[in-house]
Amino acid sequence: MQNNFDRVIPELPAGDIAQTLNYYRDVLGYEVAGQQGNFFGSVLRGKANLYFSKSDEKIMPNRCYILVNEVDELCQIFKDKGATI
């Protein structure tokens, strides 16, 4: 079975979660998919899903979630090719 990458979901820093979600909804046409206080939120437009984490830092490491079927098989393929996981 070939692995299919279904979606990629980046997690981006935001100074103010509510303000960020409102901007993506009201200006960019996304749907607010969820919010947990002022420390996490997500928006969705079609298959474009973005996560936001509260950060007061100007530079913050980002995360990116890659949704894939058969993750164990894919992990083994990567390891067989020399990937460190």
PDB file of N, CA and C in Angstrom:
ATOM      1  N   MET A   1       0.843  -1.186   0.000  1.00  0.00           N
ATOM      2  CA  MET A   1       0.000   0.000   0.000  1.00  0.00           C
ATOM      3  C   MET A   1       0.882   1.241   0.000  1.00  0.00           C
ATOM      4  N   GLN A   2       0.569   2.165  -0.857  1.00  0.00           N
ATOM      5  CA  GLN A   2       1.315   3.411  -0.908  1.00  0.00           C
ATOM      6  C   GLN A   2       0.788   4.354   0.162  1.00  0.00           C
ATOM      7  N   ASN A   3       1.721   5.032   0.822  1.00  0.00           N
ATOM      8  CA  ASN A   3       1.316   5.988   1.841  1.00  0.00           C
ATOM      9  C   ASN A   3       0.796   7.254   1.185  1.00  0.00           C
ATOM     10  N   ASN A   4      -0.333   7.722   1.657  1.00  0.00           N
ATOM     11  CA  ASN A   4      -0.922   8.960   1.160  1.00  0.00           C
ATOM     12  C   ASN A   4      -0.849  10.016   2.248  1.00  0.00           C
ATOM     13  N   PHE A   5      -0.251  11.129   1.909  1.00  0.00           N
ATOM     14  CA  PHE A   5      -0.233  12.251   2.823  1.00  0.00           C
ATOM     15  C   PHE A   5      -1.538  13.003   2.618  1.00  0.00           C
ATOM     16  N   ASP A   6      -2.395  12.963   3.637  1.00  0.00           N
ATOM     17  CA  ASP A   6      -3.723  13.549   3.531  1.00  0.00           C
ATOM     18  C   ASP A   6      -3.696  15.059   3.697  1.00  0.00           C
ATOM     19  N   ARG A   7      -3.086  15.521   4.775  1.00  0.00           N
ATOM     20  CA  ARG A   7      -3.045  16.952   5.055  1.00  0.00           C
ATOM     21  C   ARG A   7      -1.762  17.299   5.794  1.00  0.00           C
ATOM     22  N   VAL A   8      -1.389  18.527   5.717  1.00  0.00           N
ATOM     23  CA  VAL A   8      -0.283  19.081   6.490  1.00  0.00           C
ATOM     24  C   VAL A   8      -0.861  20.221   7.316  1.00  0.00           C
ATOM     25  N   ILE A   9      -0.596  20.224   8.620  1.00  0.00           N
ATOM     26  CA  ILE A   9      -1.158  21.243   9.502  1.00  0.00           C
ATOM     27  C   ILE A   9      -0.027  21.961  10.229  1.00  0.00           C
ATOM     28  N   PRO A  10       0.312  23.177   9.814  1.00  0.00           N
ATOM     29  CA  PRO A  10       1.329  23.927  10.546  1.00  0.00           C
ATOM     30  C   PRO A  10       0.752  24.511  11.832  1.00  0.00           C
ATOM     31  N   GLU A  11       1.611  24.594  12.849  1.00  0.00           N
ATOM     32  CA  GLU A  11       1.243  25.265  14.098  1.00  0.00           C
ATOM     33  C   GLU A  11       2.096  26.524  14.190  1.00  0.00           C
ATOM     34  N   LEU A  12       1.441  27.664  14.202  1.00  0.00           N
ATOM     35  CA  LEU A  12       2.112  28.952  14.110  1.00  0.00           C
ATOM     36  C   LEU A  12       1.970  29.744  15.406  1.00  0.00           C
ATOM     37  N   PRO A  13       2.949  30.576  15.735  1.00  0.00           N
ATOM     38  CA  PRO A  13       2.853  31.403  16.934  1.00  0.00           C
ATOM     39  C   PRO A  13       1.882  32.566  16.725  1.00  0.00           C
ATOM     40  N   ALA A  14       1.208  32.954  17.790  1.00  0.00           N
ATOM     41  CA  ALA A  14       0.293  34.101  17.740  1.00  0.00           C
ATOM     42  C   ALA A  14       0.345  34.813  19.086  1.00  0.00           C
ATOM     43  N   GLY A  15       0.400  36.123  19.036  1.00  0.00           N
ATOM     44  CA  GLY A  15       0.431  36.907  20.266  1.00  0.00           C
ATOM     45  C   GLY A  15      -0.905  36.917  20.984  1.00  0.00           C
ATOM     46  N   ASP A  16      -1.989  36.918  20.228  1.00  0.00           N
ATOM     47  CA  ASP A  16      -3.347  36.955  20.787  1.00  0.00           C
ATOM     48  C   ASP A  16      -4.204  35.990  19.976  1.00  0.00           C
ATOM     49  N   ILE A  17      -4.577  34.887  20.589  1.00  0.00           N
ATOM     50  CA  ILE A  17      -5.310  33.834  19.871  1.00  0.00           C
ATOM     51  C   ILE A  17      -6.658  34.346  19.362  1.00  0.00           C
ATOM     52  N   ALA A  18      -7.442  34.990  20.213  1.00  0.00           N
ATOM     53  CA  ALA A  18      -8.772  35.461  19.800  1.00  0.00           C
ATOM     54  C   ALA A  18      -8.664  36.438  18.630  1.00  0.00           C
ATOM     55  N   GLN A  19      -7.737  37.372  18.712  1.00  0.00           N
ATOM     56  CA  GLN A  19      -7.552  38.349  17.642  1.00  0.00           C
ATOM     57  C   GLN A  19      -7.123  37.649  16.345  1.00  0.00           C
ATOM     58  N   THR A  20      -6.246  36.680  16.451  1.00  0.00           N
ATOM     59  CA  THR A  20      -5.790  35.932  15.277  1.00  0.00           C
ATOM     60  C   THR A  20      -6.936  35.159  14.641  1.00  0.00           C
ATOM     61  N   LEU A  21      -7.727  34.455  15.464  1.00  0.00           N
ATOM     62  CA  LEU A  21      -8.857  33.690  14.937  1.00  0.00           C
ATOM     63  C   LEU A  21      -9.881  34.602  14.280  1.00  0.00           C
ATOM     64  N   ASN A  22     -10.162  35.738  14.902  1.00  0.00           N
ATOM     65  CA  ASN A  22     -11.109  36.693  14.323  1.00  0.00           C
ATOM     66  C   ASN A  22     -10.622  37.195  12.967  1.00  0.00           C
ATOM     67  N   TYR A  23      -9.337  37.484  12.860  1.00  0.00           N
ATOM     68  CA  TYR A  23      -8.772  37.964  11.600  1.00  0.00           C
ATOM     69  C   TYR A  23      -8.916  36.899  10.506  1.00  0.00           C
ATOM     70  N   TYR A  24      -8.545  35.669  10.819  1.00  0.00           N
ATOM     71  CA  TYR A  24      -8.642  34.605   9.821  1.00  0.00           C
ATOM     72  C   TYR A  24     -10.095  34.347   9.424  1.00  0.00           C
ATOM     73  N   ARG A  25     -11.029  34.493  10.359  1.00  0.00           N
ATOM     74  CA  ARG A  25     -12.452  34.304  10.058  1.00  0.00           C
ATOM     75  C   ARG A  25     -13.009  35.493   9.279  1.00  0.00           C
ATOM     76  N   ASP A  26     -12.860  36.695   9.825  1.00  0.00           N
ATOM     77  CA  ASP A  26     -13.526  37.873   9.280  1.00  0.00           C
ATOM     78  C   ASP A  26     -12.868  38.427   8.022  1.00  0.00           C
ATOM     79  N   VAL A  27     -11.554  38.332   7.922  1.00  0.00           N
ATOM     80  CA  VAL A  27     -10.837  38.917   6.797  1.00  0.00           C
ATOM     81  C   VAL A  27     -10.493  37.879   5.732  1.00  0.00           C
ATOM     82  N   LEU A  28     -10.037  36.695   6.172  1.00  0.00           N
ATOM     83  CA  LEU A  28      -9.554  35.698   5.212  1.00  0.00           C
ATOM     84  C   LEU A  28     -10.567  34.599   4.887  1.00  0.00           C
ATOM     85  N   GLY A  29     -11.713  34.592   5.561  1.00  0.00           N
ATOM     86  CA  GLY A  29     -12.785  33.665   5.218  1.00  0.00           C
ATOM     87  C   GLY A  29     -12.649  32.258   5.756  1.00  0.00           C
ATOM     88  N   TYR A  30     -11.810  32.049   6.775  1.00  0.00           N
ATOM     89  CA  TYR A  30     -11.688  30.732   7.406  1.00  0.00           C
ATOM     90  C   TYR A  30     -12.817  30.532   8.406  1.00  0.00           C
ATOM     91  N   GLU A  31     -13.066  29.297   8.766  1.00  0.00           N
ATOM     92  CA  GLU A  31     -13.994  28.946   9.838  1.00  0.00           C
ATOM     93  C   GLU A  31     -13.156  28.680  11.086  1.00  0.00           C
ATOM     94  N   VAL A  32     -13.570  29.222  12.225  1.00  0.00           N
ATOM     95  CA  VAL A  32     -12.879  28.901  13.470  1.00  0.00           C
ATOM     96  C   VAL A  32     -13.265  27.470  13.838  1.00  0.00           C
ATOM     97  N   ALA A  33     -12.258  26.596  13.901  1.00  0.00           N
ATOM     98  CA  ALA A  33     -12.503  25.175  14.152  1.00  0.00           C
ATOM     99  C   ALA A  33     -12.411  24.836  15.634  1.00  0.00           C
ATOM    100  N   GLY A  34     -11.705  25.646  16.398  1.00  0.00           N
ATOM    101  CA  GLY A  34     -11.596  25.376  17.824  1.00  0.00           C
ATOM    102  C   GLY A  34     -10.749  26.418  18.520  1.00  0.00           C
ATOM    103  N   GLN A  35     -10.967  26.526  19.831  1.00  0.00           N
ATOM    104  CA  GLN A  35     -10.189  27.459  20.636  1.00  0.00           C
ATOM    105  C   GLN A  35     -10.134  26.928  22.050  1.00  0.00           C
ATOM    106  N   GLN A  36      -8.959  26.986  22.645  1.00  0.00           N
ATOM    107  CA  GLN A  36      -8.765  26.619  24.048  1.00  0.00           C
ATOM    108  C   GLN A  36      -8.169  27.830  24.749  1.00  0.00           C
ATOM    109  N   GLY A  37      -9.050  28.598  25.366  1.00  0.00           N
ATOM    110  CA  GLY A  37      -8.612  29.806  26.060  1.00  0.00           C
ATOM    111  C   GLY A  37      -7.850  30.727  25.125  1.00  0.00           C
ATOM    112  N   ASN A  38      -6.816  31.369  25.665  1.00  0.00           N
ATOM    113  CA  ASN A  38      -5.966  32.203  24.822  1.00  0.00           C
ATOM    114  C   ASN A  38      -4.599  31.545  24.661  1.00  0.00           C
ATOM    115  N   PHE A  39      -4.579  30.183  24.593  1.00  0.00           N
ATOM    116  CA  PHE A  39      -3.298  29.527  24.371  1.00  0.00           C
ATOM    117  C   PHE A  39      -3.282  28.642  23.132  1.00  0.00           C
ATOM    118  N   PHE A  40      -4.450  28.357  22.538  1.00  0.00           N
ATOM    119  CA  PHE A  40      -4.473  27.544  21.321  1.00  0.00           C
ATOM    120  C   PHE A  40      -5.748  27.823  20.537  1.00  0.00           C
ATOM    121  N   GLY A  41      -5.637  27.787  19.215  1.00  0.00           N
ATOM    122  CA  GLY A  41      -6.804  27.911  18.359  1.00  0.00           C
ATOM    123  C   GLY A  41      -6.508  27.319  16.995  1.00  0.00           C
ATOM    124  N   SER A  42      -7.565  27.026  16.252  1.00  0.00           N
ATOM    125  CA  SER A  42      -7.362  26.524  14.894  1.00  0.00           C
ATOM    126  C   SER A  42      -8.454  27.053  13.976  1.00  0.00           C
ATOM    127  N   VAL A  43      -8.075  27.184  12.710  1.00  0.00           N
ATOM    128  CA  VAL A  43      -9.005  27.626  11.680  1.00  0.00           C
ATOM    129  C   VAL A  43      -8.964  26.634  10.530  1.00  0.00           C
ATOM    130  N   LEU A  44     -10.045  26.628   9.763  1.00  0.00           N
ATOM    131  CA  LEU A  44     -10.190  25.665   8.683  1.00  0.00           C
ATOM    132  C   LEU A  44     -10.861  26.341   7.497  1.00  0.00           C
ATOM    133  N   ARG A  45     -10.314  26.079   6.322  1.00  0.00           N
ATOM    134  CA  ARG A  45     -10.949  26.524   5.086  1.00  0.00           C
ATOM    135  C   ARG A  45     -10.670  25.446   4.054  1.00  0.00           C
ATOM    136  N   GLY A  46     -11.711  24.686   3.709  1.00  0.00           N
ATOM    137  CA  GLY A  46     -11.511  23.503   2.874  1.00  0.00           C
ATOM    138  C   GLY A  46     -10.632  22.526   3.638  1.00  0.00           C
ATOM    139  N   LYS A  47      -9.546  22.072   3.033  1.00  0.00           N
ATOM    140  CA  LYS A  47      -8.600  21.191   3.720  1.00  0.00           C
ATOM    141  C   LYS A  47      -7.434  21.969   4.319  1.00  0.00           C
ATOM    142  N   ALA A  48      -7.479  23.294   4.207  1.00  0.00           N
ATOM    143  CA  ALA A  48      -6.423  24.120   4.796  1.00  0.00           C
ATOM    144  C   ALA A  48      -6.733  24.341   6.266  1.00  0.00           C
ATOM    145  N   ASN A  49      -5.993  23.680   7.129  1.00  0.00           N
ATOM    146  CA  ASN A  49      -6.184  23.757   8.574  1.00  0.00           C
ATOM    147  C   ASN A  49      -4.920  24.366   9.177  1.00  0.00           C
ATOM    148  N   LEU A  50      -5.076  25.417   9.964  1.00  0.00           N
ATOM    149  CA  LEU A  50      -3.947  26.063  10.616  1.00  0.00           C
ATOM    150  C   LEU A  50      -4.154  26.041  12.120  1.00  0.00           C
ATOM    151  N   TYR A  51      -3.103  25.733  12.855  1.00  0.00           N
ATOM    152  CA  TYR A  51      -3.115  25.787  14.312  1.00  0.00           C
ATOM    153  C   TYR A  51      -2.324  27.013  14.750  1.00  0.00           C
ATOM    154  N   PHE A  52      -2.743  27.609  15.859  1.00  0.00           N
ATOM    155  CA  PHE A  52      -2.039  28.746  16.434  1.00  0.00           C
ATOM    156  C   PHE A  52      -1.802  28.494  17.916  1.00  0.00           C
ATOM    157  N   SER A  53      -0.579  28.767  18.377  1.00  0.00           N
ATOM    158  CA  SER A  53      -0.220  28.642  19.788  1.00  0.00           C
ATOM    159  C   SER A  53       0.162  30.007  20.318  1.00  0.00           C
ATOM    160  N   LYS A  54      -0.240  30.282  21.527  1.00  0.00           N
ATOM    161  CA  LYS A  54       0.093  31.549  22.182  1.00  0.00           C
ATOM    162  C   LYS A  54       1.601  31.659  22.335  1.00  0.00           C
ATOM    163  N   SER A  55       2.133  32.779  21.918  1.00  0.00           N
ATOM    164  CA  SER A  55       3.558  33.041  22.079  1.00  0.00           C
ATOM    165  C   SER A  55       3.793  34.536  22.173  1.00  0.00           C
ATOM    166  N   ASP A  56       4.595  34.925  23.147  1.00  0.00           N
ATOM    167  CA  ASP A  56       5.001  36.317  23.264  1.00  0.00           C
ATOM    168  C   ASP A  56       6.397  36.517  22.679  1.00  0.00           C
ATOM    169  N   GLU A  57       6.996  35.432  22.214  1.00  0.00           N
ATOM    170  CA  GLU A  57       8.335  35.486  21.631  1.00  0.00           C
ATOM    171  C   GLU A  57       8.265  35.993  20.200  1.00  0.00           C
ATOM    172  N   LYS A  58       9.274  36.720  19.785  1.00  0.00           N
ATOM    173  CA  LYS A  58       9.328  37.184  18.398  1.00  0.00           C
ATOM    174  C   LYS A  58       9.704  36.039  17.469  1.00  0.00           C
ATOM    175  N   ILE A  59      10.511  35.103  17.972  1.00  0.00           N
ATOM    176  CA  ILE A  59      10.899  33.929  17.193  1.00  0.00           C
ATOM    177  C   ILE A  59      10.538  32.699  18.017  1.00  0.00           C
ATOM    178  N   MET A  60       9.809  31.786  17.413  1.00  0.00           N
ATOM    179  CA  MET A  60       9.382  30.580  18.105  1.00  0.00           C
ATOM    180  C   MET A  60       9.519  29.401  17.158  1.00  0.00           C
ATOM    181  N   PRO A  61      10.022  28.282  17.652  1.00  0.00           N
ATOM    182  CA  PRO A  61      10.033  27.101  16.785  1.00  0.00           C
ATOM    183  C   PRO A  61       8.598  26.775  16.359  1.00  0.00           C
ATOM    184  N   ASN A  62       8.432  26.368  15.122  1.00  0.00           N
ATOM    185  CA  ASN A  62       7.110  26.013  14.615  1.00  0.00           C
ATOM    186  C   ASN A  62       6.976  24.509  14.509  1.00  0.00           C
ATOM    187  N   ARG A  63       5.754  24.052  14.511  1.00  0.00           N
ATOM    188  CA  ARG A  63       5.461  22.638  14.333  1.00  0.00           C
ATOM    189  C   ARG A  63       4.635  22.488  13.067  1.00  0.00           C
ATOM    190  N   CYS A  64       4.721  21.309  12.487  1.00  0.00           N
ATOM    191  CA  CYS A  64       3.911  21.007  11.324  1.00  0.00           C
ATOM    192  C   CYS A  64       3.446  19.573  11.445  1.00  0.00           C
ATOM    193  N   TYR A  65       2.154  19.350  11.453  1.00  0.00           N
ATOM    194  CA  TYR A  65       1.575  18.026  11.564  1.00  0.00           C
ATOM    195  C   TYR A  65       1.303  17.503  10.158  1.00  0.00           C
ATOM    196  N   ILE A  66       1.794  16.312   9.867  1.00  0.00           N
ATOM    197  CA  ILE A  66       1.566  15.691   8.571  1.00  0.00           C
ATOM    198  C   ILE A  66       0.710  14.458   8.812  1.00  0.00           C
ATOM    199  N   LEU A  67      -0.503  14.483   8.323  1.00  0.00           N
ATOM    200  CA  LEU A  67      -1.425  13.372   8.518  1.00  0.00           C
ATOM    201  C   LEU A  67      -1.249  12.387   7.373  1.00  0.00           C
ATOM    202  N   VAL A  68      -0.961  11.142   7.726  1.00  0.00           N
ATOM    203  CA  VAL A  68      -0.643  10.129   6.729  1.00  0.00           C
ATOM    204  C   VAL A  68      -1.245   8.794   7.161  1.00  0.00           C
ATOM    205  N   ASN A  69      -1.660   8.003   6.186  1.00  0.00           N
ATOM    206  CA  ASN A  69      -2.144   6.668   6.532  1.00  0.00           C
ATOM    207  C   ASN A  69      -0.938   5.741   6.684  1.00  0.00           C
ATOM    208  N   GLU A  70      -1.090   4.640   7.372  1.00  0.00           N
ATOM    209  CA  GLU A  70      -0.037   3.637   7.542  1.00  0.00           C
ATOM    210  C   GLU A  70       1.271   4.247   8.050  1.00  0.00           C
ATOM    211  N   VAL A  71       1.192   4.975   9.156  1.00  0.00           N
ATOM    212  CA  VAL A  71       2.358   5.692   9.666  1.00  0.00           C
ATOM    213  C   VAL A  71       3.477   4.743  10.093  1.00  0.00           C
ATOM    214  N   ASP A  72       3.155   3.572  10.647  1.00  0.00           N
ATOM    215  CA  ASP A  72       4.199   2.637  11.056  1.00  0.00           C
ATOM    216  C   ASP A  72       4.991   2.133   9.855  1.00  0.00           C
ATOM    217  N   GLU A  73       4.277   1.821   8.783  1.00  0.00           N
ATOM    218  CA  GLU A  73       4.929   1.372   7.553  1.00  0.00           C
ATOM    219  C   GLU A  73       5.827   2.472   6.992  1.00  0.00           C
ATOM    220  N   LEU A  74       5.331   3.689   6.970  1.00  0.00           N
ATOM    221  CA  LEU A  74       6.108   4.808   6.449  1.00  0.00           C
ATOM    222  C   LEU A  74       7.349   5.045   7.314  1.00  0.00           C
ATOM    223  N   CYS A  75       7.183   4.945   8.621  1.00  0.00           N
ATOM    224  CA  CYS A  75       8.303   5.111   9.541  1.00  0.00           C
ATOM    225  C   CYS A  75       9.387   4.071   9.241  1.00  0.00           C
ATOM    226  N   GLN A  76       8.995   2.837   9.007  1.00  0.00           N
ATOM    227  CA  GLN A  76       9.957   1.781   8.704  1.00  0.00           C
ATOM    228  C   GLN A  76      10.668   2.041   7.370  1.00  0.00           C
ATOM    229  N   ILE A  77       9.933   2.504   6.384  1.00  0.00           N
ATOM    230  CA  ILE A  77      10.542   2.847   5.089  1.00  0.00           C
ATOM    231  C   ILE A  77      11.603   3.931   5.285  1.00  0.00           C
ATOM    232  N   PHE A  78      11.285   4.944   6.071  1.00  0.00           N
ATOM    233  CA  PHE A  78      12.245   6.013   6.335  1.00  0.00           C
ATOM    234  C   PHE A  78      13.472   5.479   7.072  1.00  0.00           C
ATOM    235  N   LYS A  79      13.253   4.632   8.089  1.00  0.00           N
ATOM    236  CA  LYS A  79      14.371   4.059   8.845  1.00  0.00           C
ATOM    237  C   LYS A  79      15.256   3.205   7.931  1.00  0.00           C
ATOM    238  N   ASP A  80      14.625   2.411   7.054  1.00  0.00           N
ATOM    239  CA  ASP A  80      15.380   1.566   6.122  1.00  0.00           C
ATOM    240  C   ASP A  80      16.275   2.395   5.205  1.00  0.00           C
ATOM    241  N   LYS A  81      15.887   3.647   4.977  1.00  0.00           N
ATOM    242  CA  LYS A  81      16.672   4.540   4.112  1.00  0.00           C
ATOM    243  C   LYS A  81      17.656   5.371   4.916  1.00  0.00           C
ATOM    244  N   GLY A  82      17.767   5.101   6.214  1.00  0.00           N
ATOM    245  CA  GLY A  82      18.771   5.781   7.026  1.00  0.00           C
ATOM    246  C   GLY A  82      18.278   6.933   7.861  1.00  0.00           C
ATOM    247  N   ALA A  83      16.970   7.177   7.883  1.00  0.00           N
ATOM    248  CA  ALA A  83      16.453   8.285   8.689  1.00  0.00           C
ATOM    249  C   ALA A  83      16.591   7.981  10.172  1.00  0.00           C
ATOM    250  N   THR A  84      16.911   8.992  10.948  1.00  0.00           N
ATOM    251  CA  THR A  84      16.939   8.864  12.403  1.00  0.00           C
ATOM    252  C   THR A  84      15.595   9.346  12.917  1.00  0.00           C
ATOM    253  N   ILE A  85      14.867   8.434  13.540  1.00  0.00           N
ATOM    254  CA  ILE A  85      13.529   8.778  14.031  1.00  0.00           C
ATOM    255  C   ILE A  85      13.471   8.496  15.527  1.00  0.00           C
TER     256      ILE A  85
END
